[in-house]
């Protein structure tokens, strides 16, 4: 498998898909990110392939192997941003099959999707066995992707909601969220396609309840992991790229350290 299979893809992913520009203000920024990721990847290769914290666990590898030990119908929700370039789109079928196997009956997978291959992505998720529930949207108010091949200014991201078997509603679902903070490369320091945190937290709230288990088979920069912990959920994720796993581990440990500091300060104020 290639890096495009992991969810932590090469910098021009959507630009190649869309025939548009990559989201960098300069080639220097792109090269700097590549160098940084190569360094993190090399450091990760010298350490363990699995990591865990109080409410999270990370694994290195293809999700079909790294998460194969999950019991059937044991997961509360899946929130993920798979690669949707030409190499990544075929993964939507095995992703659908994985979701169908591990999700509790009637529970949801929120899957980010690309525009140019949306019809194929929808078909492949269904072919994997999932049941279509709804089509959500992240509105993108910042820089937009110019899809030259279609002459379209892309101003939203699709989020497909699929259930494992017949959908069993537990709450009202809000199908639109504004993705603030997508203004440019300086706001995506960890990965060129790093998702804004607030919309991911929104989708986690739509498809799960506090204390439930969230899975992300394509960690990327780890935004889903951070969002899940911040929303009081348990989290398990993996990526085939050890650099992405290491990046996520660092974010989660920094988050835990920050939470401990806040808790300590709050405790001190009450004394």
C-alpha atoms as a PDB file:
ATOM      1  CA  UNK A   1       0.000   0.000   0.000  1.00  0.00           C
ATOM      2  CA  UNK A   2       1.084   3.588  -0.591  1.00  0.00           C
ATOM      3  CA  UNK A   3       1.041   6.595   1.662  1.00  0.00           C
ATOM      4  CA  UNK A   4      -2.216   7.597  -0.034  1.00  0.00           C
ATOM      5  CA  UNK A   5      -3.815   4.542   1.558  1.00  0.00           C
ATOM      6  CA  UNK A   6      -3.248   5.800   5.067  1.00  0.00           C
ATOM      7  CA  UNK A   7      -5.177   9.014   5.375  1.00  0.00           C
ATOM      8  CA  UNK A   8      -1.849  10.785   5.920  1.00  0.00           C
ATOM      9  CA  UNK A   9      -1.251  11.548   2.264  1.00  0.00           C
ATOM     10  CA  UNK A  10       1.149  13.514   0.142  1.00  0.00           C
ATOM     11  CA  UNK A  11       0.652  17.301   0.000  1.00  0.00           C
ATOM     12  CA  UNK A  12      -1.098  17.589  -3.356  1.00  0.00           C
ATOM     13  CA  UNK A  13      -3.902  15.126  -2.629  1.00  0.00           C
ATOM     14  CA  UNK A  14      -6.980  17.238  -3.267  1.00  0.00           C
ATOM     15  CA  UNK A  15      -5.185  19.449  -5.778  1.00  0.00           C
ATOM     16  CA  UNK A  16      -4.379  16.363  -7.850  1.00  0.00           C
ATOM     17  CA  UNK A  17      -7.945  15.131  -7.479  1.00  0.00           C
ATOM     18  CA  UNK A  18      -9.442  18.489  -8.379  1.00  0.00           C
ATOM     19  CA  UNK A  19      -6.976  19.769 -10.932  1.00  0.00           C
ATOM     20  CA  UNK A  20      -6.484  22.779  -8.681  1.00  0.00           C
ATOM     21  CA  UNK A  21      -3.769  24.359  -6.625  1.00  0.00           C
ATOM     22  CA  UNK A  22      -2.235  22.783  -3.561  1.00  0.00           C
ATOM     23  CA  UNK A  23      -3.000  24.687  -0.333  1.00  0.00           C
ATOM     24  CA  UNK A  24       0.452  26.190   0.149  1.00  0.00           C
ATOM     25  CA  UNK A  25       1.509  29.800  -0.147  1.00  0.00           C
ATOM     26  CA  UNK A  26       4.963  28.629  -1.258  1.00  0.00           C
ATOM     27  CA  UNK A  27       6.851  25.512  -2.228  1.00  0.00           C
ATOM     28  CA  UNK A  28       9.086  26.258   0.743  1.00  0.00           C
ATOM     29  CA  UNK A  29       6.231  25.586   3.150  1.00  0.00           C
ATOM     30  CA  UNK A  30       5.487  22.305   1.423  1.00  0.00           C
ATOM     31  CA  UNK A  31       9.116  21.201   1.586  1.00  0.00           C
ATOM     32  CA  UNK A  32       9.319  22.189   5.253  1.00  0.00           C
ATOM     33  CA  UNK A  33       6.342  20.007   6.088  1.00  0.00           C
ATOM     34  CA  UNK A  34       7.777  17.079   4.162  1.00  0.00           C
ATOM     35  CA  UNK A  35      11.076  17.420   6.036  1.00  0.00           C
ATOM     36  CA  UNK A  36       9.280  17.651   9.379  1.00  0.00           C
ATOM     37  CA  UNK A  37       7.150  14.585   8.689  1.00  0.00           C
ATOM     38  CA  UNK A  38      10.177  12.604   7.518  1.00  0.00           C
ATOM     39  CA  UNK A  39      11.914  13.435  10.793  1.00  0.00           C
ATOM     40  CA  UNK A  40       8.902  12.466  12.883  1.00  0.00           C
ATOM     41  CA  UNK A  41       8.529   9.260  10.863  1.00  0.00           C
ATOM     42  CA  UNK A  42      12.175   8.351  11.488  1.00  0.00           C
ATOM     43  CA  UNK A  43      11.806   9.012  15.218  1.00  0.00           C
ATOM     44  CA  UNK A  44       8.636   6.919  15.346  1.00  0.00           C
ATOM     45  CA  UNK A  45      10.375   3.975  13.664  1.00  0.00           C
ATOM     46  CA  UNK A  46      12.683   3.699  16.682  1.00  0.00           C
ATOM     47  CA  UNK A  47       9.824   3.447  19.178  1.00  0.00           C
ATOM     48  CA  UNK A  48       6.784   1.236  19.811  1.00  0.00           C
ATOM     49  CA  UNK A  49       4.053   0.828  17.190  1.00  0.00           C
ATOM     50  CA  UNK A  50       1.256   1.144  19.763  1.00  0.00           C
ATOM     51  CA  UNK A  51       0.527   3.877  22.312  1.00  0.00           C
ATOM     52  CA  UNK A  52      -2.170   4.457  24.884  1.00  0.00           C
ATOM     53  CA  UNK A  53      -3.415   6.988  27.411  1.00  0.00           C
ATOM     54  CA  UNK A  54      -6.218   7.233  29.911  1.00  0.00           C
ATOM     55  CA  UNK A  55      -8.957   7.247  27.265  1.00  0.00           C
ATOM     56  CA  UNK A  56      -7.203   6.541  23.975  1.00  0.00           C
ATOM     57  CA  UNK A  57      -5.163   3.982  22.051  1.00  0.00           C
ATOM     58  CA  UNK A  58      -3.167   4.323  18.821  1.00  0.00           C
ATOM     59  CA  UNK A  59      -1.878   1.609  16.503  1.00  0.00           C
ATOM     60  CA  UNK A  60       0.392   1.625  13.445  1.00  0.00           C
ATOM     61  CA  UNK A  61      -0.742  -0.283  10.374  1.00  0.00           C
ATOM     62  CA  UNK A  62      -3.443  -0.851   7.774  1.00  0.00           C
ATOM     63  CA  UNK A  63      -6.807  -0.729   9.567  1.00  0.00           C
ATOM     64  CA  UNK A  64      -7.789  -4.087   8.070  1.00  0.00           C
ATOM     65  CA  UNK A  65      -4.945  -5.650  10.053  1.00  0.00           C
ATOM     66  CA  UNK A  66      -4.291  -3.233  12.934  1.00  0.00           C
ATOM     67  CA  UNK A  67      -7.944  -3.254  14.038  1.00  0.00           C
ATOM     68  CA  UNK A  68      -8.751  -6.853  13.106  1.00  0.00           C
ATOM     69  CA  UNK A  69      -8.970  -7.884  16.774  1.00  0.00           C
ATOM     70  CA  UNK A  70     -11.964  -5.633  17.466  1.00  0.00           C
ATOM     71  CA  UNK A  71     -14.991  -7.656  18.462  1.00  0.00           C
ATOM     72  CA  UNK A  72     -17.994  -7.604  16.153  1.00  0.00           C
ATOM     73  CA  UNK A  73     -20.626  -4.973  17.011  1.00  0.00           C
ATOM     74  CA  UNK A  74     -18.447  -3.449  19.738  1.00  0.00           C
ATOM     75  CA  UNK A  75     -17.952   0.136  18.504  1.00  0.00           C
ATOM     76  CA  UNK A  76     -20.302   3.057  19.178  1.00  0.00           C
ATOM     77  CA  UNK A  77     -19.321   5.296  16.245  1.00  0.00           C
ATOM     78  CA  UNK A  78     -16.728   5.838  13.512  1.00  0.00           C
ATOM     79  CA  UNK A  79     -15.583   9.320  12.480  1.00  0.00           C
ATOM     80  CA  UNK A  80     -12.953   9.409   9.767  1.00  0.00           C
ATOM     81  CA  UNK A  81     -11.433  11.343   6.864  1.00  0.00           C
ATOM     82  CA  UNK A  82     -10.156   8.754   4.352  1.00  0.00           C
ATOM     83  CA  UNK A  83      -8.021   9.702   1.361  1.00  0.00           C
ATOM     84  CA  UNK A  84     -10.192  10.459  -1.653  1.00  0.00           C
ATOM     85  CA  UNK A  85      -7.710  10.690  -4.507  1.00  0.00           C
ATOM     86  CA  UNK A  86      -7.605   8.026  -7.209  1.00  0.00           C
ATOM     87  CA  UNK A  87      -5.530   5.695  -5.035  1.00  0.00           C
ATOM     88  CA  UNK A  88      -7.620   6.224  -1.916  1.00  0.00           C
ATOM     89  CA  UNK A  89     -11.180   5.922  -3.252  1.00  0.00           C
ATOM     90  CA  UNK A  90     -11.076   2.089  -3.531  1.00  0.00           C
ATOM     91  CA  UNK A  91     -10.602   1.978   0.253  1.00  0.00           C
ATOM     92  CA  UNK A  92     -14.200   3.081   0.768  1.00  0.00           C
ATOM     93  CA  UNK A  93     -15.470  -0.456   0.146  1.00  0.00           C
ATOM     94  CA  UNK A  94     -13.264  -2.204   2.755  1.00  0.00           C
ATOM     95  CA  UNK A  95     -13.943   0.739   5.071  1.00  0.00           C
ATOM     96  CA  UNK A  96     -17.672   0.087   4.676  1.00  0.00           C
ATOM     97  CA  UNK A  97     -17.182  -3.608   5.412  1.00  0.00           C
ATOM     98  CA  UNK A  98     -15.095  -2.788   8.491  1.00  0.00           C
ATOM     99  CA  UNK A  99     -17.714  -0.351   9.786  1.00  0.00           C
ATOM    100  CA  UNK A 100     -20.489  -2.889   9.235  1.00  0.00           C
ATOM    101  CA  UNK A 101     -18.587  -5.516  11.218  1.00  0.00           C
ATOM    102  CA  UNK A 102     -17.508  -3.480  14.242  1.00  0.00           C
ATOM    103  CA  UNK A 103     -20.340  -0.966  14.680  1.00  0.00           C
ATOM    104  CA  UNK A 104     -23.181  -1.753  17.036  1.00  0.00           C
ATOM    105  CA  UNK A 105     -26.426  -2.303  15.107  1.00  0.00           C
ATOM    106  CA  UNK A 106     -28.003   0.953  13.979  1.00  0.00           C
ATOM    107  CA  UNK A 107     -24.984   3.082  14.935  1.00  0.00           C
ATOM    108  CA  UNK A 108     -23.331   5.582  12.603  1.00  0.00           C
ATOM    109  CA  UNK A 109     -20.147   6.165  10.655  1.00  0.00           C
ATOM    110  CA  UNK A 110     -19.420   9.798   9.710  1.00  0.00           C
ATOM    111  CA  UNK A 111     -17.141   9.639   6.664  1.00  0.00           C
ATOM    112  CA  UNK A 112     -15.580  12.710   5.056  1.00  0.00           C
ATOM    113  CA  UNK A 113     -15.738  12.468   1.248  1.00  0.00           C
ATOM    114  CA  UNK A 114     -14.302  14.158  -1.822  1.00  0.00           C
ATOM    115  CA  UNK A 115     -16.385  15.815  -4.530  1.00  0.00           C
ATOM    116  CA  UNK A 116     -15.092  14.430  -7.818  1.00  0.00           C
ATOM    117  CA  UNK A 117     -15.545  10.786  -6.805  1.00  0.00           C
ATOM    118  CA  UNK A 118     -18.553  11.264  -4.526  1.00  0.00           C
ATOM    119  CA  UNK A 119     -20.789   8.963  -6.569  1.00  0.00           C
ATOM    120  CA  UNK A 120     -18.204   6.184  -6.422  1.00  0.00           C
ATOM    121  CA  UNK A 121     -17.544   6.732  -2.704  1.00  0.00           C
ATOM    122  CA  UNK A 122     -21.258   6.435  -1.953  1.00  0.00           C
ATOM    123  CA  UNK A 123     -21.513   3.294  -4.090  1.00  0.00           C
ATOM    124  CA  UNK A 124     -18.486   1.674  -2.435  1.00  0.00           C
ATOM    125  CA  UNK A 125     -19.660   2.361   1.130  1.00  0.00           C
ATOM    126  CA  UNK A 126     -22.963   0.700   0.258  1.00  0.00           C
ATOM    127  CA  UNK A 127     -21.147  -2.155  -1.464  1.00  0.00           C
ATOM    128  CA  UNK A 128     -19.257  -2.671   1.796  1.00  0.00           C
ATOM    129  CA  UNK A 129     -22.621  -3.289   3.418  1.00  0.00           C
ATOM    130  CA  UNK A 130     -23.493   0.010   5.094  1.00  0.00           C
ATOM    131  CA  UNK A 131     -26.910   1.669   4.923  1.00  0.00           C
ATOM    132  CA  UNK A 132     -27.168   5.294   3.777  1.00  0.00           C
ATOM    133  CA  UNK A 133     -28.624   7.570   6.445  1.00  0.00           C
ATOM    134  CA  UNK A 134     -27.883  11.217   5.523  1.00  0.00           C
ATOM    135  CA  UNK A 135     -25.528  13.656   3.812  1.00  0.00           C
ATOM    136  CA  UNK A 136     -23.953  16.276   6.065  1.00  0.00           C
ATOM    137  CA  UNK A 137     -21.925  19.354   5.111  1.00  0.00           C
ATOM    138  CA  UNK A 138     -18.983  21.322   6.477  1.00  0.00           C
ATOM    139  CA  UNK A 139     -19.190  24.886   5.117  1.00  0.00           C
ATOM    140  CA  UNK A 140     -15.700  26.240   4.391  1.00  0.00           C
ATOM    141  CA  UNK A 141     -15.512  30.021   4.842  1.00  0.00           C
ATOM    142  CA  UNK A 142     -11.741  30.324   4.319  1.00  0.00           C
ATOM    143  CA  UNK A 143      -9.621  29.655   1.230  1.00  0.00           C
ATOM    144  CA  UNK A 144     -11.421  27.499  -1.297  1.00  0.00           C
ATOM    145  CA  UNK A 145     -10.261  24.804  -3.669  1.00  0.00           C
ATOM    146  CA  UNK A 146     -10.506  25.805  -7.313  1.00  0.00           C
ATOM    147  CA  UNK A 147     -11.592  22.692  -9.204  1.00  0.00           C
ATOM    148  CA  UNK A 148     -10.339  23.742 -12.632  1.00  0.00           C
ATOM    149  CA  UNK A 149     -11.472  20.588 -14.404  1.00  0.00           C
ATOM    150  CA  UNK A 150     -15.081  21.418 -13.451  1.00  0.00           C
ATOM    151  CA  UNK A 151     -14.718  25.207 -13.030  1.00  0.00           C
ATOM    152  CA  UNK A 152     -16.097  25.026  -9.501  1.00  0.00           C
ATOM    153  CA  UNK A 153     -15.018  26.906  -6.375  1.00  0.00           C
ATOM    154  CA  UNK A 154     -15.274  24.229  -3.695  1.00  0.00           C
ATOM    155  CA  UNK A 155     -16.794  25.807  -0.586  1.00  0.00           C
ATOM    156  CA  UNK A 156     -17.966  22.788   1.377  1.00  0.00           C
ATOM    157  CA  UNK A 157     -16.894  19.319   2.432  1.00  0.00           C
ATOM    158  CA  UNK A 158     -19.319  16.391   2.329  1.00  0.00           C
ATOM    159  CA  UNK A 159     -19.723  14.198   5.415  1.00  0.00           C
ATOM    160  CA  UNK A 160     -21.567  10.965   4.637  1.00  0.00           C
ATOM    161  CA  UNK A 161     -23.565   9.365   7.446  1.00  0.00           C
ATOM    162  CA  UNK A 162     -24.027   5.596   7.113  1.00  0.00           C
ATOM    163  CA  UNK A 163     -25.431   3.109   9.603  1.00  0.00           C
ATOM    164  CA  UNK A 164     -24.686  -0.528  10.358  1.00  0.00           C
ATOM    165  CA  UNK A 165     -28.006  -2.032   9.347  1.00  0.00           C
ATOM    166  CA  UNK A 166     -31.262  -0.104   9.787  1.00  0.00           C
ATOM    167  CA  UNK A 167     -30.607   3.234  11.449  1.00  0.00           C
ATOM    168  CA  UNK A 168     -31.777   3.528  15.045  1.00  0.00           C
ATOM    169  CA  UNK A 169     -32.114   7.259  15.896  1.00  0.00           C
ATOM    170  CA  UNK A 170     -31.045   8.238  19.393  1.00  0.00           C
ATOM    171  CA  UNK A 171     -31.066  12.032  19.019  1.00  0.00           C
ATOM    172  CA  UNK A 172     -31.725  14.843  16.550  1.00  0.00           C
ATOM    173  CA  UNK A 173     -28.811  15.154  14.106  1.00  0.00           C
ATOM    174  CA  UNK A 174     -27.716  18.598  12.874  1.00  0.00           C
ATOM    175  CA  UNK A 175     -26.424  18.123   9.327  1.00  0.00           C
ATOM    176  CA  UNK A 176     -24.477  21.360   8.763  1.00  0.00           C
ATOM    177  CA  UNK A 177     -21.558  22.995  10.536  1.00  0.00           C
ATOM    178  CA  UNK A 178     -19.304  25.955   9.692  1.00  0.00           C
ATOM    179  CA  UNK A 179     -15.622  24.981   9.546  1.00  0.00           C
ATOM    180  CA  UNK A 180     -14.019  28.074  11.014  1.00  0.00           C
ATOM    181  CA  UNK A 181     -10.252  28.453  10.971  1.00  0.00           C
ATOM    182  CA  UNK A 182      -9.439  27.149   7.483  1.00  0.00           C
ATOM    183  CA  UNK A 183      -7.740  30.301   6.284  1.00  0.00           C
ATOM    184  CA  UNK A 184      -4.455  28.931   5.029  1.00  0.00           C
ATOM    185  CA  UNK A 185      -1.396  26.749   5.577  1.00  0.00           C
ATOM    186  CA  UNK A 186      -0.450  28.491   8.828  1.00  0.00           C
ATOM    187  CA  UNK A 187      -3.657  27.079  10.333  1.00  0.00           C
ATOM    188  CA  UNK A 188      -2.770  23.529   9.284  1.00  0.00           C
ATOM    189  CA  UNK A 189       0.691  23.155  10.834  1.00  0.00           C
ATOM    190  CA  UNK A 190       0.670  19.373  11.211  1.00  0.00           C
ATOM    191  CA  UNK A 191      -0.587  18.206   7.826  1.00  0.00           C
ATOM    192  CA  UNK A 192      -1.561  19.890   4.530  1.00  0.00           C
ATOM    193  CA  UNK A 193      -5.077  18.439   4.797  1.00  0.00           C
ATOM    194  CA  UNK A 194      -5.446  18.799   8.549  1.00  0.00           C
ATOM    195  CA  UNK A 195      -9.149  19.167   9.324  1.00  0.00           C
ATOM    196  CA  UNK A 196     -10.499  21.963  11.489  1.00  0.00           C
ATOM    197  CA  UNK A 197     -11.152  20.671  15.002  1.00  0.00           C
ATOM    198  CA  UNK A 198     -14.567  22.241  15.666  1.00  0.00           C
ATOM    199  CA  UNK A 199     -16.458  20.457  12.831  1.00  0.00           C
ATOM    200  CA  UNK A 200     -15.007  17.087  13.855  1.00  0.00           C
ATOM    201  CA  UNK A 201     -16.195  17.706  17.413  1.00  0.00           C
ATOM    202  CA  UNK A 202     -19.610  18.534  15.958  1.00  0.00           C
ATOM    203  CA  UNK A 203     -19.860  15.209  14.103  1.00  0.00           C
ATOM    204  CA  UNK A 204     -18.672  13.292  17.139  1.00  0.00           C
ATOM    205  CA  UNK A 205     -21.510  14.847  19.121  1.00  0.00           C
ATOM    206  CA  UNK A 206     -24.009  13.921  16.386  1.00  0.00           C
ATOM    207  CA  UNK A 207     -23.108  10.237  16.247  1.00  0.00           C
ATOM    208  CA  UNK A 208     -22.164   9.360  19.848  1.00  0.00           C
ATOM    209  CA  UNK A 209     -22.662  10.047  23.535  1.00  0.00           C
ATOM    210  CA  UNK A 210     -20.087  10.823  26.267  1.00  0.00           C
ATOM    211  CA  UNK A 211     -18.089   7.793  27.341  1.00  0.00           C
ATOM    212  CA  UNK A 212     -18.694   5.897  24.096  1.00  0.00           C
ATOM    213  CA  UNK A 213     -15.961   4.483  21.851  1.00  0.00           C
ATOM    214  CA  UNK A 214     -14.972   6.360  18.667  1.00  0.00           C
ATOM    215  CA  UNK A 215     -12.828   4.727  15.976  1.00  0.00           C
ATOM    216  CA  UNK A 216     -10.793   6.446  13.242  1.00  0.00           C
ATOM    217  CA  UNK A 217      -9.028   4.061  10.816  1.00  0.00           C
ATOM    218  CA  UNK A 218      -7.192   6.958   9.102  1.00  0.00           C
ATOM    219  CA  UNK A 219      -5.551   9.081  11.819  1.00  0.00           C
ATOM    220  CA  UNK A 220      -3.817  11.621   9.609  1.00  0.00           C
ATOM    221  CA  UNK A 221      -2.792  14.482  11.912  1.00  0.00           C
ATOM    222  CA  UNK A 222      -4.936  13.154  14.769  1.00  0.00           C
ATOM    223  CA  UNK A 223      -7.726  15.732  14.795  1.00  0.00           C
ATOM    224  CA  UNK A 224     -10.433  13.107  15.350  1.00  0.00           C
ATOM    225  CA  UNK A 225      -8.490  11.696  18.298  1.00  0.00           C
ATOM    226  CA  UNK A 226      -8.137  15.108  19.943  1.00  0.00           C
ATOM    227  CA  UNK A 227     -11.767  15.973  19.254  1.00  0.00           C
ATOM    228  CA  UNK A 228     -12.978  12.683  20.725  1.00  0.00           C
ATOM    229  CA  UNK A 229     -11.033  13.162  23.962  1.00  0.00           C
ATOM    230  CA  UNK A 230     -12.203  16.763  24.272  1.00  0.00           C
ATOM    231  CA  UNK A 231     -15.799  15.560  23.854  1.00  0.00           C
ATOM    232  CA  UNK A 232     -15.388  13.000  26.643  1.00  0.00           C
ATOM    233  CA  UNK A 233     -15.320   9.937  24.410  1.00  0.00           C
ATOM    234  CA  UNK A 234     -12.944   6.993  24.371  1.00  0.00           C
ATOM    235  CA  UNK A 235     -10.833   6.706  21.215  1.00  0.00           C
ATOM    236  CA  UNK A 236      -9.028   4.064  19.180  1.00  0.00           C
ATOM    237  CA  UNK A 237      -7.326   4.849  15.886  1.00  0.00           C
ATOM    238  CA  UNK A 238      -4.632   3.728  13.491  1.00  0.00           C
ATOM    239  CA  UNK A 239      -2.687   4.817  10.441  1.00  0.00           C
ATOM    240  CA  UNK A 240      -0.345   3.010   8.100  1.00  0.00           C
ATOM    241  CA  UNK A 241       2.088   5.934   8.368  1.00  0.00           C
ATOM    242  CA  UNK A 242       4.089   5.864  11.641  1.00  0.00           C
ATOM    243  CA  UNK A 243       4.658   9.600  11.311  1.00  0.00           C
ATOM    244  CA  UNK A 244       0.923  10.217  11.564  1.00  0.00           C
ATOM    245  CA  UNK A 245       0.634   7.935  14.587  1.00  0.00           C
ATOM    246  CA  UNK A 246       3.511   9.728  16.289  1.00  0.00           C
ATOM    247  CA  UNK A 247       2.029  13.147  15.509  1.00  0.00           C
ATOM    248  CA  UNK A 248      -1.276  12.047  17.020  1.00  0.00           C
ATOM    249  CA  UNK A 249       0.437  10.640  20.099  1.00  0.00           C
ATOM    250  CA  UNK A 250       2.199  13.944  20.729  1.00  0.00           C
ATOM    251  CA  UNK A 251      -1.038  15.905  20.361  1.00  0.00           C
ATOM    252  CA  UNK A 252      -2.889  13.629  22.766  1.00  0.00           C
ATOM    253  CA  UNK A 253      -0.154  13.669  25.374  1.00  0.00           C
ATOM    254  CA  UNK A 254       0.059  17.460  25.183  1.00  0.00           C
ATOM    255  CA  UNK A 255      -3.710  17.571  25.604  1.00  0.00           C
ATOM    256  CA  UNK A 256      -3.543  15.313  28.658  1.00  0.00           C
ATOM    257  CA  UNK A 257      -0.767  17.416  30.177  1.00  0.00           C
ATOM    258  CA  UNK A 258      -2.836  20.555  29.647  1.00  0.00           C
ATOM    259  CA  UNK A 259      -5.879  18.960  31.229  1.00  0.00           C
ATOM    260  CA  UNK A 260      -3.830  17.905  34.246  1.00  0.00           C
ATOM    261  CA  UNK A 261      -2.544  21.453  34.684  1.00  0.00           C
ATOM    262  CA  UNK A 262      -6.074  22.854  34.496  1.00  0.00           C
ATOM    263  CA  UNK A 263      -7.305  20.271  36.993  1.00  0.00           C
ATOM    264  CA  UNK A 264      -4.435  21.052  39.360  1.00  0.00           C
ATOM    265  CA  UNK A 265      -5.112  24.784  39.154  1.00  0.00           C
ATOM    266  CA  UNK A 266      -8.806  24.233  39.749  1.00  0.00           C
ATOM    267  CA  UNK A 267      -8.019  22.067  42.772  1.00  0.00           C
ATOM    268  CA  UNK A 268      -5.705  24.688  44.179  1.00  0.00           C
ATOM    269  CA  UNK A 269      -8.338  27.388  43.858  1.00  0.00           C
ATOM    270  CA  UNK A 270     -10.726  25.314  45.929  1.00  0.00           C
ATOM    271  CA  UNK A 271      -8.344  24.869  48.851  1.00  0.00           C
END
